mmCIF file of all heavy atoms, coordinates in Angstrom:
data_MODEL
# 
_entry.id   MODEL 
# 
loop_
_atom_site.group_PDB 
_atom_site.id 
_atom_site.type_symbol 
_atom_site.label_atom_id 
_atom_site.label_alt_id 
_atom_site.label_comp_id 
_atom_site.label_asym_id 
_atom_site.label_entity_id 
_atom_site.label_seq_id 
_atom_site.pdbx_PDB_ins_code 
_atom_site.Cartn_x 
_atom_site.Cartn_y 
_atom_site.Cartn_z 
_atom_site.occupancy 
_atom_site.B_iso_or_equiv 
_atom_site.pdbx_formal_charge 
_atom_site.auth_seq_id 
_atom_site.auth_comp_id 
_atom_site.auth_asym_id 
_atom_site.auth_atom_id 
_atom_site.pdbx_PDB_model_num 
ATOM 1   N N   . THR A 1 1  ? 71.867 158.105 97.795  1.00 0.00 ? 1  THR A N   1 
ATOM 2   C CA  . THR A 1 1  ? 70.893 157.117 98.294  1.00 0.00 ? 1  THR A CA  1 
ATOM 3   C C   . THR A 1 1  ? 71.386 155.696 98.075  1.00 0.00 ? 1  THR A C   1 
ATOM 4   O O   . THR A 1 1  ? 71.304 154.856 98.967  1.00 0.00 ? 1  THR A O   1 
ATOM 5   C CB  . THR A 1 1  ? 69.535 157.296 97.567  1.00 0.00 ? 1  THR A CB  1 
ATOM 6   O OG1 . THR A 1 1  ? 69.178 158.675 97.613  1.00 0.00 ? 1  THR A OG1 1 
ATOM 7   C CG2 . THR A 1 1  ? 68.438 156.503 98.221  1.00 0.00 ? 1  THR A CG2 1 
ATOM 8   N N   . ALA A 1 2  ? 71.927 155.413 96.873  1.00 0.00 ? 2  ALA A N   1 
ATOM 9   C CA  . ALA A 1 2  ? 72.348 154.043 96.551  1.00 0.00 ? 2  ALA A CA  1 
ATOM 10  C C   . ALA A 1 2  ? 73.504 153.604 97.446  1.00 0.00 ? 2  ALA A C   1 
ATOM 11  O O   . ALA A 1 2  ? 73.485 152.506 98.015  1.00 0.00 ? 2  ALA A O   1 
ATOM 12  C CB  . ALA A 1 2  ? 72.748 153.960 95.083  1.00 0.00 ? 2  ALA A CB  1 
ATOM 13  N N   . ILE A 1 3  ? 74.509 154.470 97.604  1.00 0.00 ? 3  ILE A N   1 
ATOM 14  C CA  . ILE A 1 3  ? 75.685 154.076 98.404  1.00 0.00 ? 3  ILE A CA  1 
ATOM 15  C C   . ILE A 1 3  ? 75.325 154.012 99.886  1.00 0.00 ? 3  ILE A C   1 
ATOM 16  O O   . ILE A 1 3  ? 75.739 153.103 100.607 1.00 0.00 ? 3  ILE A O   1 
ATOM 17  C CB  . ILE A 1 3  ? 76.875 155.026 98.125  1.00 0.00 ? 3  ILE A CB  1 
ATOM 18  C CG1 . ILE A 1 3  ? 77.328 154.842 96.671  1.00 0.00 ? 3  ILE A CG1 1 
ATOM 19  C CG2 . ILE A 1 3  ? 78.032 154.753 99.088  1.00 0.00 ? 3  ILE A CG2 1 
ATOM 20  C CD1 . ILE A 1 3  ? 78.460 155.738 96.218  1.00 0.00 ? 3  ILE A CD1 1 
ATOM 21  N N   . GLU A 1 4  ? 74.498 154.958 100.334 1.00 0.00 ? 4  GLU A N   1 
ATOM 22  C CA  . GLU A 1 4  ? 74.065 154.962 101.748 1.00 0.00 ? 4  GLU A CA  1 
ATOM 23  C C   . GLU A 1 4  ? 73.312 153.671 102.079 1.00 0.00 ? 4  GLU A C   1 
ATOM 24  O O   . GLU A 1 4  ? 73.527 153.050 103.123 1.00 0.00 ? 4  GLU A O   1 
ATOM 25  C CB  . GLU A 1 4  ? 73.174 156.186 101.991 1.00 0.00 ? 4  GLU A CB  1 
ATOM 26  C CG  . GLU A 1 4  ? 72.725 156.391 103.416 1.00 0.00 ? 4  GLU A CG  1 
ATOM 27  C CD  . GLU A 1 4  ? 73.875 156.684 104.355 1.00 0.00 ? 4  GLU A CD  1 
ATOM 28  O OE1 . GLU A 1 4  ? 74.626 157.639 104.132 1.00 0.00 ? 4  GLU A OE1 1 
ATOM 29  O OE2 . GLU A 1 4  ? 74.024 155.910 105.318 1.00 0.00 ? 4  GLU A OE2 1 
ATOM 30  N N   . ALA A 1 5  ? 72.438 153.250 101.163 1.00 0.00 ? 5  ALA A N   1 
ATOM 31  C CA  . ALA A 1 5  ? 71.648 152.029 101.403 1.00 0.00 ? 5  ALA A CA  1 
ATOM 32  C C   . ALA A 1 5  ? 72.547 150.802 101.428 1.00 0.00 ? 5  ALA A C   1 
ATOM 33  O O   . ALA A 1 5  ? 72.363 149.902 102.255 1.00 0.00 ? 5  ALA A O   1 
ATOM 34  C CB  . ALA A 1 5  ? 70.610 151.875 100.301 1.00 0.00 ? 5  ALA A CB  1 
ATOM 35  N N   . SER A 1 6  ? 73.544 150.775 100.531 1.00 0.00 ? 6  SER A N   1 
ATOM 36  C CA  . SER A 1 6  ? 74.466 149.634 100.502 1.00 0.00 ? 6  SER A CA  1 
ATOM 37  C C   . SER A 1 6  ? 75.238 149.554 101.818 1.00 0.00 ? 6  SER A C   1 
ATOM 38  O O   . SER A 1 6  ? 75.407 148.475 102.395 1.00 0.00 ? 6  SER A O   1 
ATOM 39  C CB  . SER A 1 6  ? 75.466 149.782 99.351  1.00 0.00 ? 6  SER A CB  1 
ATOM 40  O OG  . SER A 1 6  ? 74.782 150.114 98.180  1.00 0.00 ? 6  SER A OG  1 
ATOM 41  N N   . ARG A 1 7  ? 75.673 150.724 102.295 1.00 0.00 ? 7  ARG A N   1 
ATOM 42  C CA  . ARG A 1 7  ? 76.421 150.741 103.556 1.00 0.00 ? 7  ARG A CA  1 
ATOM 43  C C   . ARG A 1 7  ? 75.553 150.232 104.695 1.00 0.00 ? 7  ARG A C   1 
ATOM 44  O O   . ARG A 1 7  ? 76.010 149.478 105.560 1.00 0.00 ? 7  ARG A O   1 
ATOM 45  C CB  . ARG A 1 7  ? 76.885 152.166 103.862 1.00 0.00 ? 7  ARG A CB  1 
ATOM 46  C CG  . ARG A 1 7  ? 78.081 152.588 103.043 1.00 0.00 ? 7  ARG A CG  1 
ATOM 47  C CD  . ARG A 1 7  ? 78.302 154.082 103.010 1.00 0.00 ? 7  ARG A CD  1 
ATOM 48  N NE  . ARG A 1 7  ? 77.933 154.743 104.244 1.00 0.00 ? 7  ARG A NE  1 
ATOM 49  C CZ  . ARG A 1 7  ? 77.874 156.060 104.388 1.00 0.00 ? 7  ARG A CZ  1 
ATOM 50  N NH1 . ARG A 1 7  ? 78.157 156.836 103.360 1.00 0.00 ? 7  ARG A NH1 1 
ATOM 51  N NH2 . ARG A 1 7  ? 77.540 156.598 105.517 1.00 0.00 ? 7  ARG A NH2 1 
ATOM 52  N N   . MET A 1 8  ? 74.315 150.620 104.682 1.00 0.00 ? 8  MET A N   1 
ATOM 53  C CA  . MET A 1 8  ? 73.429 150.228 105.783 1.00 0.00 ? 8  MET A CA  1 
ATOM 54  C C   . MET A 1 8  ? 73.186 148.714 105.771 1.00 0.00 ? 8  MET A C   1 
ATOM 55  O O   . MET A 1 8  ? 73.236 148.061 106.815 1.00 0.00 ? 8  MET A O   1 
ATOM 56  C CB  . MET A 1 8  ? 72.098 150.960 105.675 1.00 0.00 ? 8  MET A CB  1 
ATOM 57  C CG  . MET A 1 8  ? 71.298 150.927 106.949 1.00 0.00 ? 8  MET A CG  1 
ATOM 58  S SD  . MET A 1 8  ? 70.011 152.140 106.948 1.00 0.00 ? 8  MET A SD  1 
ATOM 59  C CE  . MET A 1 8  ? 68.840 151.397 105.885 1.00 0.00 ? 8  MET A CE  1 
ATOM 60  N N   . LEU A 1 9  ? 72.928 148.158 104.589 1.00 0.00 ? 9  LEU A N   1 
ATOM 61  C CA  . LEU A 1 9  ? 72.654 146.717 104.524 1.00 0.00 ? 9  LEU A CA  1 
ATOM 62  C C   . LEU A 1 9  ? 73.895 145.884 104.850 1.00 0.00 ? 9  LEU A C   1 
ATOM 63  O O   . LEU A 1 9  ? 73.795 144.787 105.375 1.00 0.00 ? 9  LEU A O   1 
ATOM 64  C CB  . LEU A 1 9  ? 72.107 146.332 103.146 1.00 0.00 ? 9  LEU A CB  1 
ATOM 65  C CG  . LEU A 1 9  ? 70.632 146.683 102.911 1.00 0.00 ? 9  LEU A CG  1 
ATOM 66  C CD1 . LEU A 1 9  ? 70.209 146.322 101.498 1.00 0.00 ? 9  LEU A CD1 1 
ATOM 67  C CD2 . LEU A 1 9  ? 69.714 145.986 103.894 1.00 0.00 ? 9  LEU A CD2 1 
ATOM 68  N N   . LEU A 1 10 ? 75.092 146.431 104.538 1.00 0.00 ? 10 LEU A N   1 
ATOM 69  C CA  . LEU A 1 10 ? 76.316 145.691 104.865 1.00 0.00 ? 10 LEU A CA  1 
ATOM 70  C C   . LEU A 1 10 ? 76.564 145.665 106.375 1.00 0.00 ? 10 LEU A C   1 
ATOM 71  O O   . LEU A 1 10 ? 77.258 144.802 106.884 1.00 0.00 ? 10 LEU A O   1 
ATOM 72  C CB  . LEU A 1 10 ? 77.520 146.329 104.167 1.00 0.00 ? 10 LEU A CB  1 
ATOM 73  C CG  . LEU A 1 10 ? 77.678 145.987 102.682 1.00 0.00 ? 10 LEU A CG  1 
ATOM 74  C CD1 . LEU A 1 10 ? 78.775 146.819 102.065 1.00 0.00 ? 10 LEU A CD1 1 
ATOM 75  C CD2 . LEU A 1 10 ? 77.984 144.507 102.496 1.00 0.00 ? 10 LEU A CD2 1 
ATOM 76  N N   . ARG A 1 11 ? 76.009 146.658 107.056 1.00 0.00 ? 11 ARG A N   1 
ATOM 77  C CA  . ARG A 1 11 ? 76.202 146.706 108.513 1.00 0.00 ? 11 ARG A CA  1 
ATOM 78  C C   . ARG A 1 11 ? 75.373 145.644 109.226 1.00 0.00 ? 11 ARG A C   1 
ATOM 79  O O   . ARG A 1 11 ? 75.588 145.372 110.404 1.00 0.00 ? 11 ARG A O   1 
ATOM 80  C CB  . ARG A 1 11 ? 75.767 148.078 109.050 1.00 0.00 ? 11 ARG A CB  1 
ATOM 81  C CG  . ARG A 1 11 ? 76.849 149.114 108.936 1.00 0.00 ? 11 ARG A CG  1 
ATOM 82  C CD  . ARG A 1 11 ? 76.889 149.987 110.180 1.00 0.00 ? 11 ARG A CD  1 
ATOM 83  N NE  . ARG A 1 11 ? 78.113 150.761 110.204 1.00 0.00 ? 11 ARG A NE  1 
ATOM 84  C CZ  . ARG A 1 11 ? 78.220 151.985 109.698 1.00 0.00 ? 11 ARG A CZ  1 
ATOM 85  N NH1 . ARG A 1 11 ? 77.187 152.546 109.132 1.00 0.00 ? 11 ARG A NH1 1 
ATOM 86  N NH2 . ARG A 1 11 ? 79.359 152.631 109.767 1.00 0.00 ? 11 ARG A NH2 1 
ATOM 87  N N   . VAL A 1 12 ? 74.379 145.093 108.546 1.00 0.00 ? 12 VAL A N   1 
ATOM 88  C CA  . VAL A 1 12 ? 73.492 144.113 109.192 1.00 0.00 ? 12 VAL A CA  1 
ATOM 89  C C   . VAL A 1 12 ? 74.199 142.767 109.250 1.00 0.00 ? 12 VAL A C   1 
ATOM 90  O O   . VAL A 1 12 ? 74.616 142.242 108.227 1.00 0.00 ? 12 VAL A O   1 
ATOM 91  C CB  . VAL A 1 12 ? 72.175 143.973 108.381 1.00 0.00 ? 12 VAL A CB  1 
ATOM 92  C CG1 . VAL A 1 12 ? 71.292 142.895 108.977 1.00 0.00 ? 12 VAL A CG1 1 
ATOM 93  C CG2 . VAL A 1 12 ? 71.435 145.295 108.336 1.00 0.00 ? 12 VAL A CG2 1 
ATOM 94  N N   . ASP A 1 13 ? 74.333 142.212 110.459 1.00 0.00 ? 13 ASP A N   1 
ATOM 95  C CA  . ASP A 1 13 ? 74.948 140.885 110.532 1.00 0.00 ? 13 ASP A CA  1 
ATOM 96  C C   . ASP A 1 13 ? 74.044 139.894 111.256 1.00 0.00 ? 13 ASP A C   1 
ATOM 97  O O   . ASP A 1 13 ? 74.438 138.796 111.576 1.00 0.00 ? 13 ASP A O   1 
ATOM 98  C CB  . ASP A 1 13 ? 76.322 140.954 111.218 1.00 0.00 ? 13 ASP A CB  1 
ATOM 99  C CG  . ASP A 1 13 ? 76.183 141.217 112.699 1.00 0.00 ? 13 ASP A CG  1 
ATOM 100 O OD1 . ASP A 1 13 ? 75.110 141.719 113.094 1.00 0.00 ? 13 ASP A OD1 1 
ATOM 101 O OD2 . ASP A 1 13 ? 77.126 140.919 113.459 1.00 0.00 ? 13 ASP A OD2 1 
ATOM 102 N N   . ASP A 1 14 ? 72.817 140.309 111.537 1.00 0.00 ? 14 ASP A N   1 
ATOM 103 C CA  . ASP A 1 14 ? 71.912 139.407 112.236 1.00 0.00 ? 14 ASP A CA  1 
ATOM 104 C C   . ASP A 1 14 ? 70.474 139.771 111.879 1.00 0.00 ? 14 ASP A C   1 
ATOM 105 O O   . ASP A 1 14 ? 70.107 140.942 111.992 1.00 0.00 ? 14 ASP A O   1 
ATOM 106 C CB  . ASP A 1 14 ? 72.113 139.553 113.750 1.00 0.00 ? 14 ASP A CB  1 
ATOM 107 C CG  . ASP A 1 14 ? 71.991 138.212 114.450 1.00 0.00 ? 14 ASP A CG  1 
ATOM 108 O OD1 . ASP A 1 14 ? 71.272 137.372 113.910 1.00 0.00 ? 14 ASP A OD1 1 
ATOM 109 O OD2 . ASP A 1 14 ? 72.599 138.024 115.516 1.00 0.00 ? 14 ASP A OD2 1 
ATOM 110 N N   . VAL A 1 15 ? 69.711 138.805 111.440 1.00 0.00 ? 15 VAL A N   1 
ATOM 111 C CA  . VAL A 1 15 ? 68.283 139.042 111.175 1.00 0.00 ? 15 VAL A CA  1 
ATOM 112 C C   . VAL A 1 15 ? 67.515 138.141 112.119 1.00 0.00 ? 15 VAL A C   1 
ATOM 113 O O   . VAL A 1 15 ? 67.625 136.918 112.042 1.00 0.00 ? 15 VAL A O   1 
ATOM 114 C CB  . VAL A 1 15 ? 67.911 138.712 109.711 1.00 0.00 ? 15 VAL A CB  1 
ATOM 115 C CG1 . VAL A 1 15 ? 66.432 138.955 109.471 1.00 0.00 ? 15 VAL A CG1 1 
ATOM 116 C CG2 . VAL A 1 15 ? 68.735 139.546 108.759 1.00 0.00 ? 15 VAL A CG2 1 
ATOM 117 N N   . VAL A 1 16 ? 66.786 138.740 113.070 1.00 0.00 ? 16 VAL A N   1 
ATOM 118 C CA  . VAL A 1 16 ? 66.056 137.923 114.046 1.00 0.00 ? 16 VAL A CA  1 
ATOM 119 C C   . VAL A 1 16 ? 64.577 138.216 113.957 1.00 0.00 ? 16 VAL A C   1 
ATOM 120 O O   . VAL A 1 16 ? 64.161 139.317 113.635 1.00 0.00 ? 16 VAL A O   1 
ATOM 121 C CB  . VAL A 1 16 ? 66.540 138.182 115.491 1.00 0.00 ? 16 VAL A CB  1 
ATOM 122 C CG1 . VAL A 1 16 ? 67.877 137.556 115.737 1.00 0.00 ? 16 VAL A CG1 1 
ATOM 123 C CG2 . VAL A 1 16 ? 66.570 139.648 115.799 1.00 0.00 ? 16 VAL A CG2 1 
ATOM 124 N N   . GLN A 1 17 ? 63.817 137.215 114.264 1.00 0.00 ? 17 GLN A N   1 
ATOM 125 C CA  . GLN A 1 17 ? 62.360 137.350 114.246 1.00 0.00 ? 17 GLN A CA  1 
ATOM 126 C C   . GLN A 1 17 ? 61.906 137.823 115.622 1.00 0.00 ? 17 GLN A C   1 
ATOM 127 O O   . GLN A 1 17 ? 62.286 137.240 116.629 1.00 0.00 ? 17 GLN A O   1 
ATOM 128 C CB  . GLN A 1 17 ? 61.748 135.969 113.946 1.00 0.00 ? 17 GLN A CB  1 
ATOM 129 C CG  . GLN A 1 17 ? 60.247 135.985 113.829 1.00 0.00 ? 17 GLN A CG  1 
ATOM 130 C CD  . GLN A 1 17 ? 59.804 136.376 112.436 1.00 0.00 ? 17 GLN A CD  1 
ATOM 131 O OE1 . GLN A 1 17 ? 60.595 136.335 111.513 1.00 0.00 ? 17 GLN A OE1 1 
ATOM 132 N NE2 . GLN A 1 17 ? 58.581 136.757 112.285 1.00 0.00 ? 17 GLN A NE2 1 
ATOM 133 N N   . ALA A 1 18 ? 61.125 138.902 115.669 1.00 0.00 ? 18 ALA A N   1 
ATOM 134 C CA  . ALA A 1 18 ? 60.598 139.383 116.949 1.00 0.00 ? 18 ALA A CA  1 
ATOM 135 C C   . ALA A 1 18 ? 59.211 138.788 117.143 1.00 0.00 ? 18 ALA A C   1 
ATOM 136 O O   . ALA A 1 18 ? 58.355 138.893 116.275 1.00 0.00 ? 18 ALA A O   1 
ATOM 137 C CB  . ALA A 1 18 ? 60.515 140.892 116.940 1.00 0.00 ? 18 ALA A CB  1 
ATOM 138 N N   . VAL A 1 19 ? 58.992 138.132 118.290 1.00 0.00 ? 19 VAL A N   1 
ATOM 139 C CA  . VAL A 1 19 ? 57.706 137.479 118.553 1.00 0.00 ? 19 VAL A CA  1 
ATOM 140 C C   . VAL A 1 19 ? 57.089 138.123 119.778 1.00 0.00 ? 19 VAL A C   1 
ATOM 141 O O   . VAL A 1 19 ? 57.757 138.356 120.769 1.00 0.00 ? 19 VAL A O   1 
ATOM 142 C CB  . VAL A 1 19 ? 57.918 135.965 118.821 1.00 0.00 ? 19 VAL A CB  1 
ATOM 143 C CG1 . VAL A 1 19 ? 56.590 135.270 118.988 1.00 0.00 ? 19 VAL A CG1 1 
ATOM 144 C CG2 . VAL A 1 19 ? 58.706 135.332 117.694 1.00 0.00 ? 19 VAL A CG2 1 
ATOM 145 N N   . ARG A 1 20 ? 55.803 138.367 119.713 1.00 0.00 ? 20 ARG A N   1 
ATOM 146 C CA  . ARG A 1 20 ? 55.120 138.950 120.863 1.00 0.00 ? 20 ARG A CA  1 
ATOM 147 C C   . ARG A 1 20 ? 54.627 137.828 121.758 1.00 0.00 ? 20 ARG A C   1 
ATOM 148 O O   . ARG A 1 20 ? 53.875 136.966 121.348 1.00 0.00 ? 20 ARG A O   1 
ATOM 149 C CB  . ARG A 1 20 ? 53.932 139.782 120.381 1.00 0.00 ? 20 ARG A CB  1 
ATOM 150 C CG  . ARG A 1 20 ? 53.268 140.555 121.506 1.00 0.00 ? 20 ARG A CG  1 
ATOM 151 C CD  . ARG A 1 20 ? 51.968 141.177 121.021 1.00 0.00 ? 20 ARG A CD  1 
ATOM 152 N NE  . ARG A 1 20 ? 51.287 141.758 122.161 1.00 0.00 ? 20 ARG A NE  1 
ATOM 153 C CZ  . ARG A 1 20 ? 51.313 143.033 122.464 1.00 0.00 ? 20 ARG A CZ  1 
ATOM 154 N NH1 . ARG A 1 20 ? 51.999 143.866 121.722 1.00 0.00 ? 20 ARG A NH1 1 
ATOM 155 N NH2 . ARG A 1 20 ? 50.675 143.494 123.526 1.00 0.00 ? 20 ARG A NH2 1 
ATOM 156 N N   . LYS A 1 21 ? 55.097 137.823 122.991 1.00 0.00 ? 21 LYS A N   1 
ATOM 157 C CA  . LYS A 1 21 ? 54.668 136.804 123.960 1.00 0.00 ? 21 LYS A CA  1 
ATOM 158 C C   . LYS A 1 21 ? 54.150 137.506 125.204 1.00 0.00 ? 21 LYS A C   1 
ATOM 159 O O   . LYS A 1 21 ? 54.599 138.599 125.542 1.00 0.00 ? 21 LYS A O   1 
ATOM 160 C CB  . LYS A 1 21 ? 55.855 135.921 124.354 1.00 0.00 ? 21 LYS A CB  1 
ATOM 161 C CG  . LYS A 1 21 ? 56.461 135.149 123.191 1.00 0.00 ? 21 LYS A CG  1 
ATOM 162 C CD  . LYS A 1 21 ? 55.820 133.815 123.037 1.00 0.00 ? 21 LYS A CD  1 
ATOM 163 C CE  . LYS A 1 21 ? 56.506 133.009 121.950 1.00 0.00 ? 21 LYS A CE  1 
ATOM 164 N NZ  . LYS A 1 21 ? 55.946 131.714 121.779 1.00 0.00 ? 21 LYS A NZ  1 
ATOM 165 N N   . ASP A 1 22 ? 53.245 136.861 125.913 1.00 0.00 ? 22 ASP A N   1 
ATOM 166 C CA  . ASP A 1 22 ? 52.796 137.436 127.185 1.00 0.00 ? 22 ASP A CA  1 
ATOM 167 C C   . ASP A 1 22 ? 53.748 137.000 128.295 1.00 0.00 ? 22 ASP A C   1 
ATOM 168 O O   . ASP A 1 22 ? 54.354 135.943 128.240 1.00 0.00 ? 22 ASP A O   1 
ATOM 169 C CB  . ASP A 1 22 ? 51.377 136.948 127.512 1.00 0.00 ? 22 ASP A CB  1 
ATOM 170 C CG  . ASP A 1 22 ? 50.373 137.588 126.579 1.00 0.00 ? 22 ASP A CG  1 
ATOM 171 O OD1 . ASP A 1 22 ? 50.625 138.754 126.209 1.00 0.00 ? 22 ASP A OD1 1 
ATOM 172 O OD2 . ASP A 1 22 ? 49.387 136.936 126.207 1.00 0.00 ? 22 ASP A OD2 1 
ATOM 173 N N   . ARG A 1 23 ? 53.867 137.853 129.304 1.00 0.00 ? 23 ARG A N   1 
ATOM 174 C CA  . ARG A 1 23 ? 54.815 137.560 130.377 1.00 0.00 ? 23 ARG A CA  1 
ATOM 175 C C   . ARG A 1 23 ? 54.318 136.450 131.301 1.00 0.00 ? 23 ARG A C   1 
ATOM 176 O O   . ARG A 1 23 ? 55.073 135.902 132.078 1.00 0.00 ? 23 ARG A O   1 
ATOM 177 C CB  . ARG A 1 23 ? 55.042 138.819 131.216 1.00 0.00 ? 23 ARG A CB  1 
ATOM 178 C CG  . ARG A 1 23 ? 55.975 139.796 130.529 1.00 0.00 ? 23 ARG A CG  1 
ATOM 179 C CD  . ARG A 1 23 ? 56.229 140.971 131.439 1.00 0.00 ? 23 ARG A CD  1 
ATOM 180 N NE  . ARG A 1 23 ? 57.118 141.927 130.812 1.00 0.00 ? 23 ARG A NE  1 
ATOM 181 C CZ  . ARG A 1 23 ? 58.428 141.846 130.827 1.00 0.00 ? 23 ARG A CZ  1 
ATOM 182 N NH1 . ARG A 1 23 ? 59.023 140.832 131.413 1.00 0.00 ? 23 ARG A NH1 1 
ATOM 183 N NH2 . ARG A 1 23 ? 59.173 142.761 130.248 1.00 0.00 ? 23 ARG A NH2 1 
ATOM 184 N N   . GLU A 1 24 ? 53.043 136.153 131.252 1.00 0.00 ? 24 GLU A N   1 
ATOM 185 C CA  . GLU A 1 24 ? 52.489 135.172 132.192 1.00 0.00 ? 24 GLU A CA  1 
ATOM 186 C C   . GLU A 1 24 ? 53.173 133.817 131.999 1.00 0.00 ? 24 GLU A C   1 
ATOM 187 O O   . GLU A 1 24 ? 53.453 133.400 130.893 1.00 0.00 ? 24 GLU A O   1 
ATOM 188 C CB  . GLU A 1 24 ? 50.986 135.018 131.943 1.00 0.00 ? 24 GLU A CB  1 
ATOM 189 C CG  . GLU A 1 24 ? 50.285 134.326 133.083 1.00 0.00 ? 24 GLU A CG  1 
ATOM 190 C CD  . GLU A 1 24 ? 48.787 134.236 132.827 1.00 0.00 ? 24 GLU A CD  1 
ATOM 191 O OE1 . GLU A 1 24 ? 48.347 134.629 131.739 1.00 0.00 ? 24 GLU A OE1 1 
ATOM 192 O OE2 . GLU A 1 24 ? 48.101 133.775 133.709 1.00 0.00 ? 24 GLU A OE2 1 
ATOM 193 N N   . GLY A 1 25 ? 53.422 133.147 133.102 1.00 0.00 ? 25 GLY A N   1 
ATOM 194 C CA  . GLY A 1 25 ? 54.053 131.817 133.026 1.00 0.00 ? 25 GLY A CA  1 
ATOM 195 C C   . GLY A 1 25 ? 55.542 131.934 132.762 1.00 0.00 ? 25 GLY A C   1 
ATOM 196 O O   . GLY A 1 25 ? 56.134 131.074 132.137 1.00 0.00 ? 25 GLY A O   1 
ATOM 197 N N   . GLY A 1 26 ? 56.155 133.024 133.243 1.00 0.00 ? 26 GLY A N   1 
ATOM 198 C CA  . GLY A 1 26 ? 57.603 133.171 133.068 1.00 0.00 ? 26 GLY A CA  1 
ATOM 199 C C   . GLY A 1 26 ? 57.900 133.944 131.805 1.00 0.00 ? 26 GLY A C   1 
ATOM 200 O O   . GLY A 1 26 ? 57.161 133.893 130.836 1.00 0.00 ? 26 GLY A O   1 
ATOM 201 N N   . GLN A 1 27 ? 59.017 134.677 131.827 1.00 0.00 ? 27 GLN A N   1 
ATOM 202 C CA  . GLN A 1 27 ? 59.349 135.550 130.699 1.00 0.00 ? 27 GLN A CA  1 
ATOM 203 C C   . GLN A 1 27 ? 59.572 134.743 129.427 1.00 0.00 ? 27 GLN A C   1 
ATOM 204 O O   . GLN A 1 27 ? 60.354 133.815 129.397 1.00 0.00 ? 27 GLN A O   1 
ATOM 205 C CB  . GLN A 1 27 ? 60.614 136.331 131.039 1.00 0.00 ? 27 GLN A CB  1 
ATOM 206 C CG  . GLN A 1 27 ? 60.966 137.297 129.928 1.00 0.00 ? 27 GLN A CG  1 
ATOM 207 C CD  . GLN A 1 27 ? 61.809 138.433 130.453 1.00 0.00 ? 27 GLN A CD  1 
ATOM 208 O OE1 . GLN A 1 27 ? 62.012 138.507 131.639 1.00 0.00 ? 27 GLN A OE1 1 
ATOM 209 N NE2 . GLN A 1 27 ? 62.262 139.289 129.589 1.00 0.00 ? 27 GLN A NE2 1 
ATOM 210 N N   . GLY A 1 28 ? 58.838 135.127 128.383 1.00 0.00 ? 28 GLY A N   1 
ATOM 211 C CA  . GLY A 1 28 ? 59.026 134.490 127.090 1.00 0.00 ? 28 GLY A CA  1 
ATOM 212 C C   . GLY A 1 28 ? 58.449 133.091 126.991 1.00 0.00 ? 28 GLY A C   1 
ATOM 213 O O   . GLY A 1 28 ? 58.585 132.429 125.988 1.00 0.00 ? 28 GLY A O   1 
ATOM 214 N N   . GLN A 1 29 ? 57.784 132.599 128.081 1.00 0.00 ? 29 GLN A N   1 
ATOM 215 C CA  . GLN A 1 29 ? 57.275 131.231 128.031 1.00 0.00 ? 29 GLN A CA  1 
ATOM 216 C C   . GLN A 1 29 ? 55.874 131.166 127.431 1.00 0.00 ? 29 GLN A C   1 
ATOM 217 O O   . GLN A 1 29 ? 55.363 130.108 127.168 1.00 0.00 ? 29 GLN A O   1 
ATOM 218 C CB  . GLN A 1 29 ? 57.219 130.638 129.453 1.00 0.00 ? 29 GLN A CB  1 
ATOM 219 C CG  . GLN A 1 29 ? 58.588 130.455 130.084 1.00 0.00 ? 29 GLN A CG  1 
ATOM 220 C CD  . GLN A 1 29 ? 59.426 129.467 129.307 1.00 0.00 ? 29 GLN A CD  1 
ATOM 221 O OE1 . GLN A 1 29 ? 58.948 128.385 128.979 1.00 0.00 ? 29 GLN A OE1 1 
ATOM 222 N NE2 . GLN A 1 29 ? 60.653 129.820 128.992 1.00 0.00 ? 29 GLN A NE2 1 
# 
């Protein structure tokens, strides 16, 4: 478990925030 978790976290190279937006008024606007 410990080594598997370390491997998984090392694979992460981007942390992005997901925001819920409505499509109205253009995508993501």
